[in-house]
């Protein structure tokens, strides 16, 4: 009996090590997803910055087009004014003056459009600066968080390696038949193969335990399984 009790106690110690290995390995597995999420967030900020820059370019192109159109109309007026000096017919003279007035009205509208576009350009530039600022801030945060994750990753890898070495030592002190049962349950349940008895309950599934099961588990002369979750029941000594 004393020998089997020792086996159970060692198994409980092995469980503590396996729980740590499970938790730290799970943390390690979560890091790539966290990094991918940060990269996606950063890409979103980059897209916002690029969209703002494209918007600015589009407005600048529109302004240049309006200015080119206005220059063409001003050249047209200059030509028409030159033609006035050559015309003797009053009717033709009035027609050219009317055309000049019409072109001047067009120029006035173009000037108004250009002024509005200049305002839009200033607003777009401010938008670009804001998006760039957001991107740089996000980039700085992402780089800092990635650095922290890589440091934590190195620490956890070293810790898991150490725990696995400890596990190997504990495993050698447990008989193969007991270890096999434990390993099978651990494989099925993931993190915990052993469940402490808390009062009258299984600590892992919260199932109410029969008094006989609690008594058998307290004796520690055989493996006692929870009838609900099939984990090995373990009674900690005060």
Foldseek 3Di string as FASTA:
>chain_A
DVLLLVQVVLVVVLLVLLLLLLVLVVLLVCVVVVLVVLVVVLVVLVVQLVVLVVVLVVLVVVLVVLVVVLVVLVVVLVVLVVVLVVDPDPVVNVVSVVVNVVSVVVSVVSVVVNVVSVVVNVVSVVSNVVSVVVSVVSVVVSVVVNVVSVVSSVVSVVVSVVSVVVSVVSVVSHDPVVVVQQVVQCVVPPNAQEFECDPQATNPPRDGHDPVLVVVQVVSPDFGADPPSRGTYHYDDD
